[in-house]
Amino acid sequence: MMKTALLFSLIVAISACKKDVNSPAISSFDPAKGASGNSVIIRGHGFGVDKAQLVVEFNGLTAEIDSVIGDTVIYVTVPPAATTGRITVTRKNKTVSGATDFVILPGTWVRRADIPWYAGVATGVAFAINGKGYFTTGSNEGPSTDKLFEYDPATNQWTEKSPCPDQLQGAFRMIIGDKAYIGTGETSLPQSSKMWEYDPVADLWTQKADFPSAIAFAFGIGVGNRGFAGLSNTYGWWEYDPVGDTWTQKSNPPYVSSYLCGFTIGDKIYMGCGWESSEWWQYDTTNDTWTRKKDFPVFPIAGGDCFVINNNAYVVGGGLECWLYRPESDSWEQQAFYGYRAFGSAFAIGNKGYHMGGNAGPVAYFQKDLWEFTPPQ
């Protein structure tokens, strides 16, 4: 009798284990934070192989299932208007939830009109002047390009303008007044030292004084009536005077890297996040001094860009990153981002930020999409 009871108990236990294995269960999901439109990987078991038999919800909102792999992995897209809460998976009337909330980050991204390119483009230059956005140069799965497009946010349309005189990728940009200065970068030949002034009103390019070195993937920015550029590898830091069309060397930076991103607020320049680095620095253009600030929260990052909205600065791209930086408190706050992107380009117009192009990863490499960011209220 005892043997029969033990055998029965063993059968029940085995049956229960089989039932648990065949029922859905969530062991983890990645990333743990994101925004509408982001891709999330849910891992566990009991998912089956037919996505038509599954329902995935983010805090009660049904998500689009992209694929199910081997009964243990679900690829899903965060639904529009999702809010912070649990992820649930339902299969055969059995619903399970993750152990922790999926956190929806602040801010929203909306896709706008694609750059009118036959293919995607990365390592280009973007800037905004007088309420219009511009995108030029870069690599489009081949040689460097010279194309220039103007974006009007009021009509959501791009217009092709006069091309840059050089085919470039990895050029720097400096916006001084109502002119853009595009310099250095890689061409079909070795690296360039040339610099060009672009006048959007006249749609005219004019060659200016060469940068002191032939480099690529340097950092450049305009502050008031001056420009500053350099910091690619060991090529120093230089100030540009557009009136005299001259370069003057400034104090050597304590931080040297390529693929930097940065912005200016007042007479201060903030920059960092270079090649495999998270260092963040402030340059005082009045005193010609450098100050180390709080490092960017993610390491490593490269190929990011920046924009400023209402004196709030954002570092975007270089992965899945969008971070608000507050200079007055030297603090970082993570924001929503639309998906993985490296070596894209950015600008701001009014109270909107824009990010475009770049590398979306090994499967979908060069991109030509434009995304509009609205900060949280």
Protein backbone atom coordinates (compact mmCIF):
# COMPACT_ATOMS: atom_id res chain seq x y z
CA MET A 1 0.00 0.00 0.00
CA MET A 2 2.84 2.37 0.89
CA LYS A 3 4.59 1.62 -2.40
CA THR A 4 1.38 2.35 -4.30
CA ALA A 5 0.97 5.69 -2.50
CA LEU A 6 4.57 6.66 -3.22
CA LEU A 7 4.18 5.73 -6.88
CA PHE A 8 0.99 7.78 -7.11
CA SER A 9 2.70 10.78 -5.50
CA LEU A 10 5.61 10.48 -7.93
CA ILE A 11 3.26 10.40 -10.92
CA VAL A 12 1.41 13.48 -9.65
CA ALA A 13 4.70 15.36 -9.11
CA ILE A 14 5.94 14.49 -12.60
CA SER A 15 2.63 15.56 -14.12
CA ALA A 16 2.78 18.85 -12.24
CA CYS A 17 6.31 19.50 -13.47
CA LYS A 18 5.27 18.78 -17.04
CA LYS A 19 2.32 21.11 -16.66
CA ASP A 20 4.59 23.89 -15.29
CA VAL A 21 7.05 23.46 -18.17
CA ASN A 22 4.29 23.68 -20.75
CA SER A 23 2.68 26.73 -19.13
CA PRO A 24 4.14 30.17 -19.91
CA ALA A 25 6.59 31.69 -17.47
CA ILE A 26 8.67 34.88 -17.70
CA SER A 27 12.19 34.66 -16.33
CA SER A 28 13.53 38.01 -17.60
CA PHE A 29 13.10 40.80 -20.14
CA ASP A 30 15.62 43.13 -21.72
CA PRO A 31 15.87 46.10 -21.68
CA ALA A 32 14.11 46.88 -18.41
CA LYS A 33 13.36 50.47 -19.52
CA GLY A 34 12.25 51.98 -22.79
CA ALA A 35 9.63 53.75 -24.81
CA SER A 36 6.84 53.10 -27.27
CA GLY A 37 8.22 51.45 -30.40
CA ASN A 38 11.24 49.93 -28.67
CA SER A 39 12.02 46.25 -29.12
CA VAL A 40 12.00 44.08 -25.98
CA ILE A 41 13.22 40.49 -25.60
CA ILE A 42 11.17 38.38 -23.18
CA ARG A 43 12.79 35.15 -21.98
CA GLY A 44 11.19 32.23 -20.19
CA HIS A 45 9.47 29.00 -21.24
CA GLY A 46 6.11 27.68 -22.35
CA PHE A 47 5.68 30.29 -25.09
CA GLY A 48 5.18 27.74 -27.85
CA VAL A 49 6.29 28.55 -31.38
CA ASP A 50 3.12 30.16 -32.78
CA LYS A 51 2.82 33.86 -31.98
CA ALA A 52 -0.86 33.76 -32.97
CA GLN A 53 -1.50 31.82 -29.75
CA LEU A 54 0.16 34.46 -27.59
CA VAL A 55 -0.94 37.80 -26.17
CA VAL A 56 1.70 40.09 -24.69
CA GLU A 57 0.64 43.18 -22.77
CA PHE A 58 2.52 46.12 -21.26
CA ASN A 59 0.53 47.27 -18.23
CA GLY A 60 -2.70 46.21 -19.93
CA LEU A 61 -1.96 47.40 -23.48
CA THR A 62 -1.55 44.74 -26.16
CA ALA A 63 1.85 44.72 -27.88
CA GLU A 64 2.84 43.62 -31.35
CA ILE A 65 4.71 40.29 -31.26
CA ASP A 66 7.52 40.26 -33.79
CA SER A 67 8.60 36.63 -33.41
CA VAL A 68 8.76 33.62 -31.06
CA ILE A 69 11.89 31.49 -30.97
CA GLY A 70 12.17 27.97 -29.63
CA ASP A 71 9.41 28.21 -27.00
CA THR A 72 11.70 30.35 -24.79
CA VAL A 73 12.10 33.79 -26.40
CA ILE A 74 9.59 36.42 -27.53
CA TYR A 75 10.57 39.52 -29.51
CA VAL A 76 7.97 42.22 -28.97
CA THR A 77 7.47 45.94 -29.66
CA VAL A 78 6.36 48.26 -26.85
CA PRO A 79 2.87 49.53 -27.82
CA PRO A 80 1.94 53.20 -28.28
CA ALA A 81 0.82 55.01 -25.10
CA ALA A 82 2.27 52.29 -22.89
CA THR A 83 2.78 53.20 -19.23
CA THR A 84 5.03 51.80 -16.53
CA GLY A 85 3.81 48.43 -15.27
CA ARG A 86 4.11 44.67 -15.58
CA ILE A 87 4.64 42.72 -18.79
CA THR A 88 2.18 39.80 -19.08
CA VAL A 89 2.15 36.82 -21.43
CA THR A 90 -1.04 34.86 -22.06
CA ARG A 91 -1.16 31.44 -23.76
CA LYS A 92 -4.06 29.00 -23.70
CA ASN A 93 -5.92 31.09 -21.12
CA LYS A 94 -2.92 31.02 -18.80
CA THR A 95 -1.52 34.50 -17.95
CA VAL A 96 1.80 35.15 -16.23
CA SER A 97 3.61 38.39 -15.47
CA GLY A 98 7.18 39.53 -15.02
CA ALA A 99 8.57 39.96 -11.53
CA THR A 100 9.24 43.68 -11.97
CA ASP A 101 7.76 46.62 -13.88
CA PHE A 102 8.83 47.62 -17.35
CA VAL A 103 9.62 51.31 -16.92
CA ILE A 104 8.45 53.77 -19.58
CA LEU A 105 10.99 56.59 -19.84
CA PRO A 106 9.91 60.25 -20.19
CA GLY A 107 9.60 62.00 -23.55
CA THR A 108 8.12 60.85 -26.85
CA TRP A 109 9.56 60.15 -30.30
CA VAL A 110 7.54 60.35 -33.53
CA ARG A 111 8.85 59.33 -36.94
CA ARG A 112 8.85 62.12 -39.51
CA ALA A 113 9.74 62.26 -43.23
CA ASP A 114 12.76 60.21 -44.26
CA ILE A 115 15.82 61.94 -45.66
CA PRO A 116 15.29 61.63 -49.47
CA TRP A 117 18.25 59.34 -50.01
CA TYR A 118 18.26 56.20 -52.10
CA ALA A 119 20.02 54.49 -49.19
CA GLY A 120 20.74 55.24 -45.56
CA VAL A 121 23.57 57.42 -44.33
CA ALA A 122 25.81 57.60 -41.24
CA THR A 123 28.58 59.88 -39.90
CA GLY A 124 26.97 62.89 -41.55
CA VAL A 125 26.52 66.44 -40.27
CA ALA A 126 23.22 67.95 -39.09
CA PHE A 127 22.48 71.48 -37.93
CA ALA A 128 19.64 74.01 -37.66
CA ILE A 129 19.60 77.68 -38.72
CA ASN A 130 16.62 80.06 -38.70
CA GLY A 131 13.98 77.39 -38.10
CA LYS A 132 15.19 74.95 -40.76
CA GLY A 133 17.19 71.77 -40.33
CA TYR A 134 20.03 70.62 -42.56
CA PHE A 135 21.75 67.32 -43.20
CA THR A 136 24.87 66.91 -45.31
CA THR A 137 27.82 64.60 -46.10
CA GLY A 138 28.30 61.17 -44.52
CA SER A 139 28.72 57.63 -45.79
CA ASN A 140 25.91 55.81 -47.59
CA GLU A 141 27.16 52.22 -47.75
CA GLY A 142 29.95 53.27 -50.06
CA PRO A 143 32.09 56.36 -50.68
CA SER A 144 31.57 59.60 -48.80
CA THR A 145 28.82 61.85 -50.13
CA ASP A 146 28.40 65.58 -50.74
CA LYS A 147 24.59 65.83 -50.69
CA LEU A 148 22.81 68.54 -48.68
CA PHE A 149 19.13 68.56 -47.73
CA GLU A 150 17.02 71.17 -45.94
CA TYR A 151 14.19 70.13 -43.61
CA ASP A 152 11.13 72.28 -42.92
CA PRO A 153 9.33 71.09 -39.75
CA ALA A 154 6.21 73.09 -40.65
CA THR A 155 5.63 71.02 -43.80
CA ASN A 156 7.58 67.91 -42.81
CA GLN A 157 9.42 68.05 -46.13
CA TRP A 158 13.03 67.82 -47.28
CA THR A 159 14.43 69.90 -50.16
CA GLU A 160 17.74 69.16 -51.86
CA LYS A 161 20.15 72.11 -51.85
CA SER A 162 23.59 72.82 -53.34
CA PRO A 163 25.98 69.99 -52.47
CA CYS A 164 29.00 70.40 -50.25
CA PRO A 165 32.09 71.00 -52.43
CA ASP A 166 33.78 67.94 -50.86
CA GLN A 167 32.57 64.41 -50.41
CA LEU A 168 33.07 63.86 -46.69
CA GLN A 169 32.26 61.72 -43.71
CA GLY A 170 33.20 62.42 -40.12
CA ALA A 171 33.38 66.20 -40.65
CA PHE A 172 32.94 68.71 -37.84
CA ARG A 173 30.29 71.46 -37.78
CA MET A 174 30.34 74.92 -36.23
CA ILE A 175 27.27 77.17 -36.35
CA ILE A 176 28.31 80.81 -36.04
CA GLY A 177 25.53 83.34 -36.48
CA ASP A 178 23.47 82.30 -39.49
CA LYS A 179 26.28 80.39 -41.21
CA ALA A 180 27.47 76.81 -40.94
CA TYR A 181 31.13 75.84 -41.08
CA ILE A 182 31.84 72.26 -42.16
CA GLY A 183 35.43 71.07 -41.92
CA THR A 184 37.91 68.20 -42.13
CA GLY A 185 36.71 64.59 -42.42
CA GLU A 186 37.46 61.61 -44.59
CA THR A 187 37.31 61.89 -48.38
CA SER A 188 38.11 59.49 -51.22
CA LEU A 189 41.68 60.64 -50.55
CA PRO A 190 43.36 60.77 -47.11
CA GLN A 191 41.84 62.92 -44.38
CA SER A 192 41.06 66.53 -45.21
CA SER A 193 41.97 69.85 -43.57
CA LYS A 194 39.61 71.95 -45.71
CA MET A 195 36.76 73.97 -44.24
CA TRP A 196 33.71 75.38 -46.00
CA GLU A 197 31.19 78.06 -45.01
CA TYR A 198 27.57 77.44 -45.97
CA ASP A 199 25.09 80.32 -46.29
CA PRO A 200 21.53 78.87 -46.21
CA VAL A 201 19.93 82.10 -47.52
CA ALA A 202 22.10 82.22 -50.63
CA ASP A 203 22.49 78.41 -50.75
CA LEU A 204 26.18 79.08 -51.28
CA TRP A 205 29.39 77.32 -50.21
CA THR A 206 32.61 79.34 -49.74
CA GLN A 207 36.02 77.89 -48.90
CA LYS A 208 37.60 79.24 -45.72
CA ALA A 209 40.95 78.85 -43.96
CA ASP A 210 42.00 75.24 -43.58
CA PHE A 211 41.89 73.66 -40.17
CA PRO A 212 45.49 73.39 -38.87
CA SER A 213 45.55 69.59 -39.32
CA ALA A 214 44.08 67.04 -41.69
CA ILE A 215 41.84 64.94 -39.45
CA ALA A 216 38.51 63.12 -39.31
CA PHE A 217 35.83 62.61 -36.66
CA ALA A 218 36.84 65.76 -34.81
CA PHE A 219 34.47 67.83 -32.69
CA GLY A 220 33.41 71.36 -33.59
CA ILE A 221 30.92 73.88 -32.22
CA GLY A 222 30.03 77.56 -32.42
CA VAL A 223 29.83 79.84 -29.38
CA GLY A 224 28.61 83.38 -30.02
CA ASN A 225 30.72 84.86 -32.80
CA ARG A 226 33.46 82.23 -32.59
CA GLY A 227 33.98 78.58 -33.37
CA PHE A 228 35.98 75.87 -31.63
CA ALA A 229 37.21 72.58 -33.08
CA GLY A 230 39.67 69.76 -32.54
CA LEU A 231 40.10 66.92 -30.04
CA SER A 232 40.41 64.09 -32.56
CA ASN A 233 43.25 61.97 -31.24
CA THR A 234 46.08 64.46 -30.43
CA TYR A 235 45.40 67.44 -32.67
CA GLY A 236 44.75 70.03 -29.98
CA TRP A 237 41.99 72.58 -29.53
CA TRP A 238 41.54 75.60 -31.77
CA GLU A 239 39.44 78.78 -31.89
CA TYR A 240 38.14 80.09 -35.20
CA ASP A 241 37.46 83.77 -35.93
CA PRO A 242 35.14 84.08 -38.96
CA VAL A 243 35.85 87.82 -39.37
CA GLY A 244 39.59 87.36 -39.75
CA ASP A 245 39.20 83.80 -41.10
CA THR A 246 41.94 82.65 -38.71
CA TRP A 247 42.64 79.80 -36.30
CA THR A 248 44.24 80.29 -32.87
CA GLN A 249 45.42 77.41 -30.71
CA LYS A 250 43.97 77.27 -27.20
CA SER A 251 44.92 75.30 -24.10
CA ASN A 252 45.42 71.62 -24.76
CA PRO A 253 42.51 69.54 -23.49
CA PRO A 254 43.13 66.96 -20.78
CA TYR A 255 40.83 64.64 -22.69
CA VAL A 256 41.57 63.50 -26.24
CA SER A 257 39.31 61.31 -28.35
CA SER A 258 37.42 61.02 -31.61
CA TYR A 259 33.64 60.62 -32.14
CA LEU A 260 32.89 63.20 -29.45
CA CYS A 261 29.54 64.88 -29.04
CA GLY A 262 28.66 68.06 -27.23
CA PHE A 263 26.72 71.30 -27.00
CA THR A 264 27.03 74.85 -25.73
CA ILE A 265 25.02 76.75 -23.14
CA GLY A 266 26.06 80.35 -22.55
CA ASP A 267 29.83 80.67 -22.90
CA LYS A 268 30.47 77.07 -21.79
CA ILE A 269 31.00 74.03 -24.01
CA TYR A 270 30.16 70.56 -22.71
CA MET A 271 31.56 67.54 -24.52
CA GLY A 272 32.55 63.93 -24.13
CA CYS A 273 31.38 60.38 -24.86
CA GLY A 274 34.17 59.74 -27.35
CA TRP A 275 35.41 56.45 -28.67
CA GLU A 276 34.80 53.88 -25.92
CA SER A 277 34.66 56.55 -23.23
CA SER A 278 32.17 58.05 -20.82
CA GLU A 279 34.22 61.09 -19.74
CA TRP A 280 32.41 64.44 -19.73
CA TRP A 281 34.14 67.84 -19.75
CA GLN A 282 33.29 71.52 -19.58
CA TYR A 283 35.31 74.09 -21.50
CA ASP A 284 35.08 77.73 -20.42
CA THR A 285 35.53 79.78 -23.59
CA THR A 286 36.17 82.98 -21.61
CA ASN A 287 38.91 81.63 -19.32
CA ASP A 288 40.25 78.94 -21.68
CA THR A 289 39.98 76.31 -18.93
CA TRP A 290 38.86 72.69 -18.75
CA THR A 291 36.85 71.14 -15.89
CA ARG A 292 35.96 67.46 -15.47
CA LYS A 293 32.25 66.92 -14.90
CA LYS A 294 30.15 63.91 -13.95
CA ASP A 295 30.74 61.07 -16.40
CA PHE A 296 28.06 60.02 -18.85
CA PRO A 297 26.09 57.20 -17.16
CA VAL A 298 26.68 54.58 -19.90
CA PHE A 299 30.00 53.03 -20.94
CA PRO A 300 31.08 52.69 -23.63
CA ILE A 301 29.35 55.01 -26.07
CA ALA A 302 30.47 56.35 -29.44
CA GLY A 303 28.65 57.93 -32.34
CA GLY A 304 26.19 59.96 -30.27
CA ASP A 305 25.06 63.53 -30.94
CA CYS A 306 23.41 66.34 -28.97
CA PHE A 307 20.73 68.99 -29.10
CA VAL A 308 19.54 71.71 -26.70
CA ILE A 309 15.89 72.53 -25.96
CA ASN A 310 15.08 75.42 -23.61
CA ASN A 311 18.55 75.29 -22.06
CA ASN A 312 18.19 71.56 -21.40
CA ALA A 313 20.74 69.44 -23.23
CA TYR A 314 20.23 65.92 -24.55
CA VAL A 315 22.79 63.32 -25.60
CA VAL A 316 21.16 60.94 -28.08
CA GLY A 317 22.23 57.82 -29.95
CA GLY A 318 25.45 55.92 -29.55
CA GLY A 319 23.29 52.90 -28.71
CA LEU A 320 19.87 52.98 -27.05
CA GLU A 321 20.65 56.21 -25.26
CA CYS A 322 18.87 59.50 -24.70
CA TRP A 323 19.94 61.40 -21.60
CA LEU A 324 19.03 64.83 -20.29
CA TYR A 325 22.00 66.74 -18.86
CA ARG A 326 21.45 69.62 -16.45
CA PRO A 327 24.62 71.77 -16.27
CA GLU A 328 23.51 73.64 -13.13
CA SER A 329 23.36 70.42 -11.11
CA ASP A 330 25.85 68.41 -13.21
CA SER A 331 23.29 65.59 -13.35
CA TRP A 332 22.01 63.05 -15.87
CA GLU A 333 18.42 61.77 -16.31
CA GLN A 334 17.53 59.01 -18.74
CA GLN A 335 14.89 59.80 -21.36
CA ALA A 336 13.00 57.78 -23.97
CA PHE A 337 14.69 56.83 -27.23
CA TYR A 338 13.25 55.26 -30.35
CA GLY A 339 15.72 52.38 -30.82
CA TYR A 340 19.36 51.40 -31.29
CA ARG A 341 21.31 53.95 -33.31
CA ALA A 342 24.99 54.89 -33.62
CA PHE A 343 26.69 57.57 -35.72
CA GLY A 344 23.43 59.38 -36.41
CA SER A 345 23.04 63.17 -36.43
CA ALA A 346 20.90 65.63 -34.48
CA PHE A 347 19.62 69.19 -34.23
CA ALA A 348 16.88 71.09 -32.40
CA ILE A 349 14.26 73.50 -33.73
CA GLY A 350 12.13 75.33 -31.18
CA ASN A 351 10.97 72.93 -28.49
CA LYS A 352 11.59 69.80 -30.58
CA GLY A 353 14.70 67.69 -31.01
CA TYR A 354 15.52 65.67 -34.13
CA HIS A 355 17.73 62.64 -34.71
CA MET A 356 18.35 60.99 -38.07
CA GLY A 357 20.30 58.43 -40.02
CA GLY A 358 23.08 56.34 -38.57
CA ASN A 359 23.74 52.68 -37.98
CA ALA A 360 20.87 50.59 -36.61
CA GLY A 361 22.96 47.48 -36.02
CA PRO A 362 24.39 44.55 -37.98
CA VAL A 363 21.09 43.53 -39.59
CA ALA A 364 19.72 46.96 -40.58
CA TYR A 365 22.87 49.00 -41.04
CA PHE A 366 22.61 52.49 -42.64
CA GLN A 367 19.32 54.34 -42.08
CA LYS A 368 17.65 57.44 -43.55
CA ASP A 369 14.83 57.94 -41.04
CA LEU A 370 14.13 61.16 -39.12
CA TRP A 371 12.66 61.13 -35.60
CA GLU A 372 11.19 64.05 -33.66
CA PHE A 373 11.54 64.25 -29.87
CA THR A 374 9.12 66.05 -27.56
CA PRO A 375 10.41 66.48 -23.99
CA PRO A 376 8.14 65.54 -21.07
CA GLN A 377 5.92 68.33 -19.83
